[in-house]
Amino acid sequence: MQTEDVGGKTLETWTVEEAFKAWQDGSIVLIDVRSPQEYMFEHIDGSLLMPMASFAAKGLPDQGDKPMVMMCGSGVRSEKMARVALDAGETKIAHIKGGFGAWKEAKKPYIGIELASGAPKCVNG
C-alpha cells in the first residue's frame, strides 16, 4: 500500500490484491465511482455505486471503522473522488491502483452481463 499525506490526512493507494483480500474478509466498503452504464455492464458484487458525476462526500455511507475504498475504470477518477472525500472530512479513504481494469487483469471475480441473454453472471469467480 502506498500512502500520501493530504493536508494532514492520509490517502491510501491499494493494490488489487490488497483490496481483494480486504473485500473477501468484509473489512472495507467498496465505492464504485464509474458511471451507471459502466456499473451496469460489469461491477464487483456488493460494491456501492456513487458516480463521479454526482459524487457528494456527505452521502457516503457510515461504516464505522471500515475504510472506504474507491474504484473506477483505471484509478484516475477514484483517486480524485478519494481526495474530495478527504477534503470533506472523511479520514479512512483509499482507492485501487489501476481500478477495475487492473481487477479484471488480475482475474478477480466480478459480475458481468451475458450478452446473449442480458442476464448478470459471475466472471472469474
Foldseek 3Di string as FASTA:
>chain_A
DDWDQDPNAIEAEAELVVVLVCVVVVQAAEEEQDDPVVVLAKDAPRHHYDHLVRHDLVPDDCDDPRAYEYFYQAFPSRSVSQSVNVVVPDHRYYYYHGGPPSNVVVLHWMWGADVVVRDIDIGSD
